[in-house]
Amino acid sequence: MKKVIKLSMIALAISLVAGCATTSDVENIQSQVDGLNTSVRQASADAASAQTTATDAAAKAEAAEAAANKAAELSQDANSKLDRKFKRSMMK
């Protein structure tokens, strides 16, 4: 019975020491969580900015593609006209 009481007292002492350490650990973990929350907010803001930039770049790429297609079409038309003029001059 005395052994059980001694073990209980030792367990109580250890739990008190662990309880104090746990309180400081909780504060440490809370500060880490706060730091991580700040990092997550910054990462979210950076991702939103990157999304906006990507959307703008896609719009500009579409406009450039349309301009290139129009230029290719005009070039092909001019080439056709030159070919017809050349053929007419050869027939004379």
Protein backbone atom coordinates (compact mmCIF):
# COMPACT_ATOMS: atom_id res chain seq x y z
CA MET A 1 0.00 0.00 0.00
CA LYS A 2 2.87 2.33 0.83
CA LYS A 3 4.34 1.61 -2.58
CA VAL A 4 1.11 2.66 -4.25
CA ILE A 5 1.03 5.91 -2.29
CA LYS A 6 4.69 6.63 -3.15
CA LEU A 7 4.03 5.93 -6.81
CA SER A 8 0.94 8.14 -6.68
CA MET A 9 2.94 10.99 -5.15
CA ILE A 10 5.66 10.60 -7.78
CA ALA A 11 3.04 10.55 -10.52
CA LEU A 12 1.41 13.66 -9.03
CA ALA A 13 4.76 15.48 -8.90
CA ILE A 14 5.54 14.52 -12.49
CA SER A 15 2.11 15.62 -13.66
CA LEU A 16 2.54 19.01 -11.96
CA VAL A 17 5.92 19.50 -13.62
CA ALA A 18 4.50 18.34 -16.94
CA GLY A 19 1.53 20.67 -16.50
CA CYS A 20 3.82 23.68 -16.15
CA ALA A 21 5.85 22.63 -19.14
CA THR A 22 2.67 22.07 -21.10
CA THR A 23 1.50 25.63 -20.44
CA SER A 24 4.68 27.10 -21.89
CA ASP A 25 4.54 24.61 -24.72
CA VAL A 26 1.00 25.71 -25.52
CA GLU A 27 2.11 29.34 -25.62
CA ASN A 28 5.02 28.38 -27.87
CA ILE A 29 2.76 26.41 -30.17
CA GLN A 30 0.23 29.28 -30.22
CA SER A 31 2.95 31.71 -31.34
CA GLN A 32 3.99 29.25 -34.05
CA VAL A 33 0.38 28.91 -35.20
CA ASP A 34 0.04 32.69 -35.34
CA GLY A 35 3.20 32.89 -37.43
CA LEU A 36 1.90 30.19 -39.74
CA ASN A 37 -1.43 31.99 -40.10
CA THR A 38 0.44 35.10 -41.18
CA SER A 39 2.42 33.05 -43.70
CA VAL A 40 -0.76 31.47 -45.04
CA ARG A 41 -2.40 34.87 -45.48
CA GLN A 42 0.67 36.15 -47.34
CA ALA A 43 0.75 33.04 -49.53
CA SER A 44 -2.94 33.50 -50.33
CA ALA A 45 -2.36 37.12 -51.29
CA ASP A 46 0.60 36.11 -53.46
CA ALA A 47 -1.49 33.40 -55.13
CA ALA A 48 -4.29 35.87 -55.86
CA SER A 49 -1.78 38.29 -57.36
CA ALA A 50 -0.27 35.52 -59.48
CA GLN A 51 -3.75 34.52 -60.67
CA THR A 52 -4.47 38.09 -61.74
CA THR A 53 -1.15 38.32 -63.55
CA ALA A 54 -1.79 34.98 -65.29
CA THR A 55 -5.25 36.12 -66.39
CA ASP A 56 -3.80 39.35 -67.82
CA ALA A 57 -1.07 37.41 -69.61
CA ALA A 58 -3.61 35.01 -71.10
CA ALA A 59 -5.69 37.93 -72.40
CA LYS A 60 -2.61 39.53 -73.96
CA ALA A 61 -1.59 36.22 -75.52
CA GLU A 62 -5.03 35.82 -77.07
CA ALA A 63 -4.83 39.35 -78.49
CA ALA A 64 -1.35 38.66 -79.88
CA GLU A 65 -2.56 35.41 -81.45
CA ALA A 66 -5.47 37.20 -83.08
CA ALA A 67 -3.14 39.88 -84.45
CA ALA A 68 -0.75 37.24 -85.78
CA ASN A 69 -3.60 35.37 -87.46
CA LYS A 70 -4.83 38.59 -89.06
CA ALA A 71 -1.30 39.42 -90.27
CA ALA A 72 -0.93 35.93 -91.74
CA GLU A 73 -4.26 36.30 -93.53
CA LEU A 74 -3.29 39.69 -94.96
CA SER A 75 0.08 38.33 -96.03
CA GLN A 76 -1.57 35.42 -97.79
CA ASP A 77 -3.96 37.80 -99.58
CA ALA A 78 -1.09 40.01 -100.70
CA ASN A 79 0.85 36.98 -101.90
CA SER A 80 -2.15 35.80 -103.92
CA LYS A 81 -2.52 39.23 -105.53
CA LEU A 82 1.16 39.30 -106.44
CA ASP A 83 0.93 35.83 -107.96
CA ARG A 84 -2.04 36.87 -110.11
CA LYS A 85 -0.25 40.01 -111.29
CA PHE A 86 2.86 38.00 -112.10
CA LYS A 87 0.83 35.46 -114.11
CA ARG A 88 -0.91 38.26 -116.02
CA SER A 89 2.40 39.90 -116.86
CA MET A 90 3.77 36.56 -118.08
CA MET A 91 0.80 36.09 -120.41
CA LYS A 92 1.38 39.39 -122.19
